[in-house]
PDB file of N, CA and C in Angstrom:
ATOM      1  N   MET A   1     101.913  62.176 141.274  1.00  0.00           N
ATOM      2  CA  MET A   1     101.745  61.704 139.933  1.00  0.00           C
ATOM      3  C   MET A   1     102.903  60.757 139.627  1.00  0.00           C
ATOM      4  N   GLY A   2     102.605  59.675 138.968  1.00  0.00           N
ATOM      5  CA  GLY A   2     103.625  58.684 138.651  1.00  0.00           C
ATOM      6  C   GLY A   2     104.468  59.084 137.456  1.00  0.00           C
ATOM      7  N   ASN A   3     105.551  58.396 137.299  1.00  0.00           N
ATOM      8  CA  ASN A   3     106.446  58.623 136.173  1.00  0.00           C
ATOM      9  C   ASN A   3     106.312  57.489 135.179  1.00  0.00           C
ATOM     10  N   SER A   4     106.678  57.757 133.939  1.00  0.00           N
ATOM     11  CA  SER A   4     106.711  56.708 132.935  1.00  0.00           C
ATOM     12  C   SER A   4     108.052  56.782 132.216  1.00  0.00           C
ATOM     13  N   LEU A   5     108.441  55.664 131.661  1.00  0.00           N
ATOM     14  CA  LEU A   5     109.697  55.579 130.933  1.00  0.00           C
ATOM     15  C   LEU A   5     109.428  55.869 129.475  1.00  0.00           C
ATOM     16  N   VAL A   6     110.214  56.784 128.889  1.00  0.00           N
ATOM     17  CA  VAL A   6     110.081  57.141 127.480  1.00  0.00           C
ATOM     18  C   VAL A   6     111.290  56.583 126.757  1.00  0.00           C
ATOM     19  N   SER A   7     111.041  55.928 125.640  1.00  0.00           N
ATOM     20  CA  SER A   7     112.122  55.368 124.841  1.00  0.00           C
ATOM     21  C   SER A   7     112.152  56.092 123.502  1.00  0.00           C
ATOM     22  N   ALA A   8     113.341  56.469 123.062  1.00  0.00           N
ATOM     23  CA  ALA A   8     113.467  57.181 121.785  1.00  0.00           C
ATOM     24  C   ALA A   8     114.745  56.732 121.088  1.00  0.00           C
ATOM     25  N   ARG A   9     114.724  56.786 119.768  1.00  0.00           N
ATOM     26  CA  ARG A   9     115.914  56.476 118.985  1.00  0.00           C
ATOM     27  C   ARG A   9     116.594  57.779 118.593  1.00  0.00           C
ATOM     28  N   VAL A  10     117.852  57.882 118.972  1.00  0.00           N
ATOM     29  CA  VAL A  10     118.673  59.047 118.662  1.00  0.00           C
ATOM     30  C   VAL A  10     120.030  58.519 118.228  1.00  0.00           C
ATOM     31  N   SER A  11     120.620  59.147 117.219  1.00  0.00           N
ATOM     32  CA  SER A  11     121.933  58.677 116.788  1.00  0.00           C
ATOM     33  C   SER A  11     122.940  58.833 117.927  1.00  0.00           C
ATOM     34  N   VAL A  12     123.892  57.932 117.963  1.00  0.00           N
ATOM     35  CA  VAL A  12     124.919  57.974 119.007  1.00  0.00           C
ATOM     36  C   VAL A  12     125.668  59.299 118.942  1.00  0.00           C
ATOM     37  N   ALA A  13     125.980  59.748 117.735  1.00  0.00           N
ATOM     38  CA  ALA A  13     126.724  61.001 117.576  1.00  0.00           C
ATOM     39  C   ALA A  13     125.950  62.186 118.154  1.00  0.00           C
ATOM     40  N   LYS A  14     124.640  62.231 117.894  1.00  0.00           N
ATOM     41  CA  LYS A  14     123.823  63.334 118.407  1.00  0.00           C
ATOM     42  C   LYS A  14     123.745  63.280 119.926  1.00  0.00           C
ATOM     43  N   ARG A  15     123.547  62.070 120.464  1.00  0.00           N
ATOM     44  CA  ARG A  15     123.464  61.928 121.923  1.00  0.00           C
ATOM     45  C   ARG A  15     124.767  62.344 122.583  1.00  0.00           C
ATOM     46  N   GLU A  16     125.903  61.901 122.014  1.00  0.00           N
ATOM     47  CA  GLU A  16     127.201  62.252 122.583  1.00  0.00           C
ATOM     48  C   GLU A  16     127.476  63.749 122.458  1.00  0.00           C
ATOM     49  N   ALA A  17     127.070  64.347 121.340  1.00  0.00           N
ATOM     50  CA  ALA A  17     127.268  65.784 121.154  1.00  0.00           C
ATOM     51  C   ALA A  17     126.445  66.591 122.157  1.00  0.00           C
ATOM     52  N   ALA A  18     125.300  66.067 122.565  1.00  0.00           N
ATOM     53  CA  ALA A  18     124.426  66.783 123.494  1.00  0.00           C
ATOM     54  C   ALA A  18     124.883  66.660 124.947  1.00  0.00           C
ATOM     55  N   GLN A  19     125.715  65.697 125.255  1.00  0.00           N
ATOM     56  CA  GLN A  19     126.121  65.483 126.647  1.00  0.00           C
ATOM     57  C   GLN A  19     126.870  66.677 127.220  1.00  0.00           C
ATOM     58  N   GLY A  20     127.772  67.281 126.440  1.00  0.00           N
ATOM     59  CA  GLY A  20     128.536  68.441 126.924  1.00  0.00           C
ATOM     60  C   GLY A  20     127.645  69.621 127.266  1.00  0.00           C
ATOM     61  N   PRO A  21     126.784  70.063 126.314  1.00  0.00           N
ATOM     62  CA  PRO A  21     125.893  71.175 126.644  1.00  0.00           C
ATOM     63  C   PRO A  21     124.950  70.872 127.803  1.00  0.00           C
ATOM     64  N   LEU A  22     124.460  69.645 127.886  1.00  0.00           N
ATOM     65  CA  LEU A  22     123.600  69.285 129.016  1.00  0.00           C
ATOM     66  C   LEU A  22     124.356  69.398 130.330  1.00  0.00           C
ATOM     67  N   ALA A  23     125.576  68.868 130.351  1.00  0.00           N
ATOM     68  CA  ALA A  23     126.389  68.940 131.578  1.00  0.00           C
ATOM     69  C   ALA A  23     126.684  70.391 131.947  1.00  0.00           C
ATOM     70  N   ALA A  24     126.964  71.226 130.932  1.00  0.00           N
ATOM     71  CA  ALA A  24     127.251  72.638 131.191  1.00  0.00           C
ATOM     72  C   ALA A  24     126.041  73.341 131.808  1.00  0.00           C
ATOM     73  N   LEU A  25     124.849  72.884 131.445  1.00  0.00           N
ATOM     74  CA  LEU A  25     123.625  73.443 132.020  1.00  0.00           C
ATOM     75  C   LEU A  25     123.262  72.812 133.354  1.00  0.00           C
ATOM     76  N   GLY A  26     123.979  71.754 133.717  1.00  0.00           N
ATOM     77  CA  GLY A  26     123.654  71.030 134.941  1.00  0.00           C
ATOM     78  C   GLY A  26     122.369  70.233 134.776  1.00  0.00           C
ATOM     79  N   ALA A  27     122.086  69.811 133.539  1.00  0.00           N
ATOM     80  CA  ALA A  27     120.841  69.117 133.224  1.00  0.00           C
ATOM     81  C   ALA A  27     121.119  67.681 132.805  1.00  0.00           C
ATOM     82  N   THR A  28     120.081  66.890 132.845  1.00  0.00           N
ATOM     83  CA  THR A  28     120.167  65.492 132.438  1.00  0.00           C
ATOM     84  C   THR A  28     119.342  65.284 131.179  1.00  0.00           C
ATOM     85  N   THR A  29     119.452  64.089 130.605  1.00  0.00           N
ATOM     86  CA  THR A  29     118.637  63.751 129.450  1.00  0.00           C
ATOM     87  C   THR A  29     117.155  63.792 129.831  1.00  0.00           C
ATOM     88  N   SER A  30     116.831  63.374 131.023  1.00  0.00           N
ATOM     89  CA  SER A  30     115.435  63.446 131.481  1.00  0.00           C
ATOM     90  C   SER A  30     114.956  64.900 131.539  1.00  0.00           C
ATOM     91  N   ASP A  31     115.813  65.808 131.999  1.00  0.00           N
ATOM     92  CA  ASP A  31     115.454  67.230 132.020  1.00  0.00           C
ATOM     93  C   ASP A  31     115.164  67.726 130.598  1.00  0.00           C
ATOM     94  N   LEU A  32     115.993  67.302 129.648  1.00  0.00           N
ATOM     95  CA  LEU A  32     115.805  67.692 128.253  1.00  0.00           C
ATOM     96  C   LEU A  32     114.466  67.203 127.717  1.00  0.00           C
ATOM     97  N   ILE A  33     114.154  65.945 127.954  1.00  0.00           N
ATOM     98  CA  ILE A  33     112.888  65.371 127.474  1.00  0.00           C
ATOM     99  C   ILE A  33     111.705  66.070 128.137  1.00  0.00           C
ATOM    100  N   ASN A  34     111.786  66.288 129.450  1.00  0.00           N
ATOM    101  CA  ASN A  34     110.699  66.981 130.140  1.00  0.00           C
ATOM    102  C   ASN A  34     110.520  68.403 129.610  1.00  0.00           C
ATOM    103  N   SER A  35     111.612  69.085 129.313  1.00  0.00           N
ATOM    104  CA  SER A  35     111.521  70.435 128.747  1.00  0.00           C
ATOM    105  C   SER A  35     110.867  70.408 127.375  1.00  0.00           C
ATOM    106  N   ALA A  36     111.194  69.401 126.569  1.00  0.00           N
ATOM    107  CA  ALA A  36     110.578  69.277 125.247  1.00  0.00           C
ATOM    108  C   ALA A  36     109.073  69.054 125.382  1.00  0.00           C
ATOM    109  N   PHE A  37     108.651  68.212 126.315  1.00  0.00           N
ATOM    110  CA  PHE A  37     107.223  67.993 126.542  1.00  0.00           C
ATOM    111  C   PHE A  37     106.554  69.281 127.035  1.00  0.00           C
ATOM    112  N   ASP A  38     107.217  70.006 127.950  1.00  0.00           N
ATOM    113  CA  ASP A  38     106.661  71.269 128.453  1.00  0.00           C
ATOM    114  C   ASP A  38     106.486  72.267 127.311  1.00  0.00           C
ATOM    115  N   TYR A  39     107.479  72.352 126.426  1.00  0.00           N
ATOM    116  CA  TYR A  39     107.398  73.260 125.290  1.00  0.00           C
ATOM    117  C   TYR A  39     106.232  72.882 124.383  1.00  0.00           C
ATOM    118  N   LEU A  40     106.105  71.610 124.086  1.00  0.00           N
ATOM    119  CA  LEU A  40     105.019  71.128 123.233  1.00  0.00           C
ATOM    120  C   LEU A  40     103.657  71.467 123.841  1.00  0.00           C
ATOM    121  N   LEU A  41     103.509  71.238 125.132  1.00  0.00           N
ATOM    122  CA  LEU A  41     102.231  71.517 125.781  1.00  0.00           C
ATOM    123  C   LEU A  41     101.923  73.015 125.816  1.00  0.00           C
ATOM    124  N   ALA A  42     102.953  73.847 125.973  1.00  0.00           N
ATOM    125  CA  ALA A  42     102.742  75.287 126.048  1.00  0.00           C
ATOM    126  C   ALA A  42     102.477  75.915 124.685  1.00  0.00           C
ATOM    127  N   THR A  43     103.147  75.412 123.642  1.00  0.00           N
ATOM    128  CA  THR A  43     103.065  76.063 122.332  1.00  0.00           C
ATOM    129  C   THR A  43     102.288  75.273 121.295  1.00  0.00           C
ATOM    130  N   LYS A  44     102.047  74.004 121.571  1.00  0.00           N
ATOM    131  CA  LYS A  44     101.422  73.088 120.607  1.00  0.00           C
ATOM    132  C   LYS A  44     102.277  72.953 119.342  1.00  0.00           C
ATOM    133  N   GLU A  45     103.599  73.142 119.491  1.00  0.00           N
ATOM    134  CA  GLU A  45     104.550  72.995 118.395  1.00  0.00           C
ATOM    135  C   GLU A  45     105.775  72.242 118.893  1.00  0.00           C
ATOM    136  N   LEU A  46     106.467  71.613 117.954  1.00  0.00           N
ATOM    137  CA  LEU A  46     107.735  70.980 118.303  1.00  0.00           C
ATOM    138  C   LEU A  46     108.816  72.040 118.439  1.00  0.00           C
ATOM    139  N   PRO A  47     109.729  71.856 119.393  1.00  0.00           N
ATOM    140  CA  PRO A  47     110.852  72.791 119.471  1.00  0.00           C
ATOM    141  C   PRO A  47     111.725  72.638 118.225  1.00  0.00           C
ATOM    142  N   ARG A  48     112.163  73.729 117.683  1.00  0.00           N
ATOM    143  CA  ARG A  48     112.999  73.713 116.477  1.00  0.00           C
ATOM    144  C   ARG A  48     114.184  74.633 116.677  1.00  0.00           C
ATOM    145  N   PRO A  49     115.272  74.346 115.963  1.00  0.00           N
ATOM    146  CA  PRO A  49     116.410  75.280 116.027  1.00  0.00           C
ATOM    147  C   PRO A  49     115.967  76.654 115.539  1.00  0.00           C
ATOM    148  N   GLN A  50     116.649  77.677 116.018  1.00  0.00           N
ATOM    149  CA  GLN A  50     116.319  79.029 115.605  1.00  0.00           C
ATOM    150  C   GLN A  50     116.405  79.153 114.095  1.00  0.00           C
ATOM    151  N   ASP A  51     115.403  79.743 113.517  1.00  0.00           N
ATOM    152  CA  ASP A  51     115.355  79.930 112.075  1.00  0.00           C
ATOM    153  C   ASP A  51     116.416  80.952 111.668  1.00  0.00           C
ATOM    154  N   ALA A  52     117.192  80.631 110.636  1.00  0.00           N
ATOM    155  CA  ALA A  52     118.229  81.545 110.157  1.00  0.00           C
ATOM    156  C   ALA A  52     117.619  82.864 109.720  1.00  0.00           C
ATOM    157  N   ALA A  53     116.387  82.855 109.225  1.00  0.00           N
ATOM    158  CA  ALA A  53     115.744  84.096 108.797  1.00  0.00           C
ATOM    159  C   ALA A  53     115.462  85.015 109.979  1.00  0.00           C
ATOM    160  N   ALA A  54     115.346  84.456 111.179  1.00  0.00           N
ATOM    161  CA  ALA A  54     115.081  85.268 112.357  1.00  0.00           C
ATOM    162  C   ALA A  54     116.327  86.015 112.817  1.00  0.00           C
ATOM    163  N   ARG A  55     117.491  85.601 112.361  1.00  0.00           N
ATOM    164  CA  ARG A  55     118.729  86.287 112.731  1.00  0.00           C
ATOM    165  C   ARG A  55     118.853  87.573 111.932  1.00  0.00           C
ATOM    166  N   PRO A  56     119.378  88.614 112.554  1.00  0.00           N
ATOM    167  CA  PRO A  56     119.511  89.871 111.816  1.00  0.00           C
ATOM    168  C   PRO A  56     120.526  89.742 110.681  1.00  0.00           C
ATOM    169  N   SER A  57     120.255  90.414 109.599  1.00  0.00           N
ATOM    170  CA  SER A  57     121.179  90.417 108.468  1.00  0.00           C
ATOM    171  C   SER A  57     122.302  91.406 108.739  1.00  0.00           C
ATOM    172  N   ARG A  58     123.295  91.408 107.878  1.00  0.00           N
ATOM    173  CA  ARG A  58     124.382  92.386 108.016  1.00  0.00           C
ATOM    174  C   ARG A  58     123.846  93.806 107.885  1.00  0.00           C
ATOM    175  N   ALA A  59     122.877  93.980 106.989  1.00  0.00           N
ATOM    176  CA  ALA A  59     122.285  95.311 106.812  1.00  0.00           C
ATOM    177  C   ALA A  59     121.541  95.730 108.080  1.00  0.00           C
ATOM    178  N   ASP A  60     120.804  94.793 108.701  1.00  0.00           N
ATOM    179  CA  ASP A  60     120.113  95.095 109.958  1.00  0.00           C
ATOM    180  C   ASP A  60     121.110  95.484 111.039  1.00  0.00           C
ATOM    181  N   PHE A  61     122.219  94.748 111.095  1.00  0.00           N
ATOM    182  CA  PHE A  61     123.237  95.040 112.096  1.00  0.00           C
ATOM    183  C   PHE A  61     123.868  96.409 111.836  1.00  0.00           C
ATOM    184  N   ALA A  62     124.119  96.727 110.582  1.00  0.00           N
ATOM    185  CA  ALA A  62     124.689  98.037 110.233  1.00  0.00           C
ATOM    186  C   ALA A  62     123.732  99.158 110.640  1.00  0.00           C
ATOM    187  N   ARG A  63     122.422  98.969 110.399  1.00  0.00           N
ATOM    188  CA  ARG A  63     121.432  99.973 110.808  1.00  0.00           C
ATOM    189  C   ARG A  63     121.407 100.118 112.326  1.00  0.00           C
ATOM    190  N   PHE A  64     121.518  98.985 113.044  1.00  0.00           N
ATOM    191  CA  PHE A  64     121.558  99.028 114.500  1.00  0.00           C
ATOM    192  C   PHE A  64     122.774  99.838 114.976  1.00  0.00           C
ATOM    193  N   LEU A  65     123.931  99.579 114.376  1.00  0.00           N
ATOM    194  CA  LEU A  65     125.129 100.318 114.762  1.00  0.00           C
ATOM    195  C   LEU A  65     124.978 101.806 114.492  1.00  0.00           C
ATOM    196  N   ASP A  66     124.431 102.145 113.338  1.00  0.00           N
ATOM    197  CA  ASP A  66     124.221 103.565 113.016  1.00  0.00           C
ATOM    198  C   ASP A  66     123.295 104.236 114.017  1.00  0.00           C
ATOM    199  N   ALA A  67     122.242 103.511 114.416  1.00  0.00           N
ATOM    200  CA  ALA A  67     121.258 104.083 115.331  1.00  0.00           C
ATOM    201  C   ALA A  67     121.773 104.175 116.764  1.00  0.00           C
ATOM    202  N   SER A  68     122.731 103.350 117.126  1.00  0.00           N
ATOM    203  CA  SER A  68     123.166 103.311 118.518  1.00  0.00           C
ATOM    204  C   SER A  68     124.583 103.832 118.727  1.00  0.00           C
ATOM    205  N   SER A  69     125.164 104.423 117.709  1.00  0.00           N
ATOM    206  CA  SER A  69     126.527 104.942 117.813  1.00  0.00           C
ATOM    207  C   SER A  69     126.530 106.452 117.650  1.00  0.00           C
ATOM    208  N   LEU A  70     127.489 107.072 118.260  1.00  0.00           N
ATOM    209  CA  LEU A  70     127.658 108.515 118.142  1.00  0.00           C
ATOM    210  C   LEU A  70     129.003 108.809 117.500  1.00  0.00           C
ATOM    211  N   ASP A  71     129.009 109.797 116.634  1.00  0.00           N
ATOM    212  CA  ASP A  71     130.277 110.257 116.083  1.00  0.00           C
ATOM    213  C   ASP A  71     130.937 111.125 117.132  1.00  0.00           C
ATOM    214  N   VAL A  72     132.187 110.868 117.405  1.00  0.00           N
ATOM    215  CA  VAL A  72     132.927 111.625 118.403  1.00  0.00           C
ATOM    216  C   VAL A  72     134.090 112.313 117.714  1.00  0.00           C
ATOM    217  N   ASP A  73     134.155 113.610 117.897  1.00  0.00           N
ATOM    218  CA  ASP A  73     135.275 114.359 117.364  1.00  0.00           C
ATOM    219  C   ASP A  73     136.388 114.319 118.405  1.00  0.00           C
ATOM    220  N   TRP A  74     137.332 113.436 118.188  1.00  0.00           N
ATOM    221  CA  TRP A  74     138.411 113.258 119.151  1.00  0.00           C
ATOM    222  C   TRP A  74     139.407 114.408 119.060  1.00  0.00           C
ATOM    223  N   GLY A  75     139.424 115.094 117.956  1.00  0.00           N
ATOM    224  CA  GLY A  75     140.381 116.185 117.798  1.00  0.00           C
ATOM    225  C   GLY A  75     141.787 115.672 117.999  1.00  0.00           C
ATOM    226  N   THR A  76     142.580 116.446 118.678  1.00  0.00           N
ATOM    227  CA  THR A  76     143.948 116.021 118.965  1.00  0.00           C
ATOM    228  C   THR A  76     144.102 115.571 120.408  1.00  0.00           C
ATOM    229  N   ASP A  77     142.988 115.587 121.162  1.00  0.00           N
ATOM    230  CA  ASP A  77     143.053 115.232 122.585  1.00  0.00           C
ATOM    231  C   ASP A  77     143.483 113.796 122.819  1.00  0.00           C
ATOM    232  N   ALA A  78     143.173 112.898 121.897  1.00  0.00           N
ATOM    233  CA  ALA A  78     143.525 111.497 122.079  1.00  0.00           C
ATOM    234  C   ALA A  78     144.487 111.038 120.989  1.00  0.00           C
ATOM    235  N   ALA A  79     145.282 111.970 120.505  1.00  0.00           N
ATOM    236  CA  ALA A  79     146.192 111.645 119.403  1.00  0.00           C
ATOM    237  C   ALA A  79     147.197 110.569 119.788  1.00  0.00           C
ATOM    238  N   ASP A  80     147.559 110.511 121.065  1.00  0.00           N
ATOM    239  CA  ASP A  80     148.533 109.503 121.495  1.00  0.00           C
ATOM    240  C   ASP A  80     147.877 108.155 121.793  1.00  0.00           C
ATOM    241  N   GLY A  81     146.566 108.067 121.600  1.00  0.00           N
ATOM    242  CA  GLY A  81     145.864 106.814 121.830  1.00  0.00           C
ATOM    243  C   GLY A  81     145.326 106.679 123.240  1.00  0.00           C
ATOM    244  N   ASP A  82     145.629 107.654 124.120  1.00  0.00           N
ATOM    245  CA  ASP A  82     145.130 107.588 125.486  1.00  0.00           C
ATOM    246  C   ASP A  82     143.842 108.391 125.576  1.00  0.00           C
ATOM    247  N   TYR A  83     142.750 107.712 125.437  1.00  0.00           N
ATOM    248  CA  TYR A  83     141.450 108.361 125.449  1.00  0.00           C
ATOM    249  C   TYR A  83     140.843 108.404 126.842  1.00  0.00           C
ATOM    250  N   ARG A  84     141.512 107.803 127.823  1.00  0.00           N
ATOM    251  CA  ARG A  84     140.932 107.705 129.175  1.00  0.00           C
ATOM    252  C   ARG A  84     140.672 109.077 129.797  1.00  0.00           C
ATOM    253  N   SER A  85     141.626 109.989 129.661  1.00  0.00           N
ATOM    254  CA  SER A  85     141.430 111.312 130.261  1.00  0.00           C
ATOM    255  C   SER A  85     140.311 112.066 129.561  1.00  0.00           C
ATOM    256  N   LEU A  86     140.181 111.884 128.243  1.00  0.00           N
ATOM    257  CA  LEU A  86     139.098 112.523 127.498  1.00  0.00           C
ATOM    258  C   LEU A  86     137.748 112.022 127.991  1.00  0.00           C
ATOM    259  N   ILE A  87     137.621 110.699 128.212  1.00  0.00           N
ATOM    260  CA  ILE A  87     136.376 110.117 128.718  1.00  0.00           C
ATOM    261  C   ILE A  87     136.119 110.567 130.152  1.00  0.00           C
ATOM    262  N   ALA A  88     137.161 110.599 130.974  1.00  0.00           N
ATOM    263  CA  ALA A  88     136.998 111.023 132.369  1.00  0.00           C
ATOM    264  C   ALA A  88     136.504 112.459 132.435  1.00  0.00           C
ATOM    265  N   THR A  89     137.035 113.313 131.598  1.00  0.00           N
ATOM    266  CA  THR A  89     136.587 114.706 131.566  1.00  0.00           C
ATOM    267  C   THR A  89     135.123 114.787 131.153  1.00  0.00           C
ATOM    268  N   GLY A  90     134.749 114.016 130.142  1.00  0.00           N
ATOM    269  CA  GLY A  90     133.356 114.004 129.705  1.00  0.00           C
ATOM    270  C   GLY A  90     132.426 113.496 130.786  1.00  0.00           C
ATOM    271  N   LYS A  91     132.834 112.438 131.483  1.00  0.00           N
ATOM    272  CA  LYS A  91     132.002 111.906 132.563  1.00  0.00           C
ATOM    273  C   LYS A  91     131.872 112.919 133.692  1.00  0.00           C
ATOM    274  N   ARG A  92     132.991 113.579 134.020  1.00  0.00           N
ATOM    275  CA  ARG A  92     132.980 114.550 135.110  1.00  0.00           C
ATOM    276  C   ARG A  92     131.975 115.650 134.799  1.00  0.00           C
ATOM    277  N   SER A  93     131.978 116.155 133.571  1.00  0.00           N
ATOM    278  CA  SER A  93     131.044 117.220 133.226  1.00  0.00           C
ATOM    279  C   SER A  93     129.599 116.714 133.245  1.00  0.00           C
ATOM    280  N   ASP A  94     129.400 115.457 132.817  1.00  0.00           N
ATOM    281  CA  ASP A  94     128.047 114.876 132.876  1.00  0.00           C
ATOM    282  C   ASP A  94     127.570 114.759 134.329  1.00  0.00           C
ATOM    283  N   TYR A  95     128.451 114.276 135.226  1.00  0.00           N
ATOM    284  CA  TYR A  95     128.080 114.112 136.624  1.00  0.00           C
ATOM    285  C   TYR A  95     127.832 115.466 137.286  1.00  0.00           C
ATOM    286  N   GLU A  96     128.649 116.465 136.937  1.00  0.00           N
ATOM    287  CA  GLU A  96     128.477 117.778 137.524  1.00  0.00           C
ATOM    288  C   GLU A  96     127.170 118.411 137.084  1.00  0.00           C
ATOM    289  N   SER A  97     126.716 118.073 135.865  1.00  0.00           N
ATOM    290  CA  SER A  97     125.456 118.642 135.389  1.00  0.00           C
ATOM    291  C   SER A  97     124.264 118.072 136.142  1.00  0.00           C
ATOM    292  N   LEU A  98     124.439 116.901 136.782  1.00  0.00           N
ATOM    293  CA  LEU A  98     123.353 116.299 137.546  1.00  0.00           C
ATOM    294  C   LEU A  98     123.203 116.904 138.932  1.00  0.00           C
ATOM    295  N   ALA A  99     124.261 117.554 139.422  1.00  0.00           N
ATOM    296  CA  ALA A  99     124.248 118.091 140.788  1.00  0.00           C
ATOM    297  C   ALA A  99     123.396 119.337 140.912  1.00  0.00           C
TER     298      ALA A  99
END
């Protein structure tokens, strides 16, 4: 299949700002344009920046932390700030329970 040349107007500032991220990805401007065409053909929509509404709110993040965190009663075992032995003991008992 042959190739065609695509011409587009983009501000110099936007083009220059995109060069760093493209280089970091090991991609070229042609790769970017081809990806945009692939996205359009797959979704029948233009690629858009992530919608701010799709990002979790602080309340969502707080609920996530509550759901994925455990309260640990450190007691006086880690009073000096060295929690490594407390964790090692907990891991040892967990591993021994698997045997």
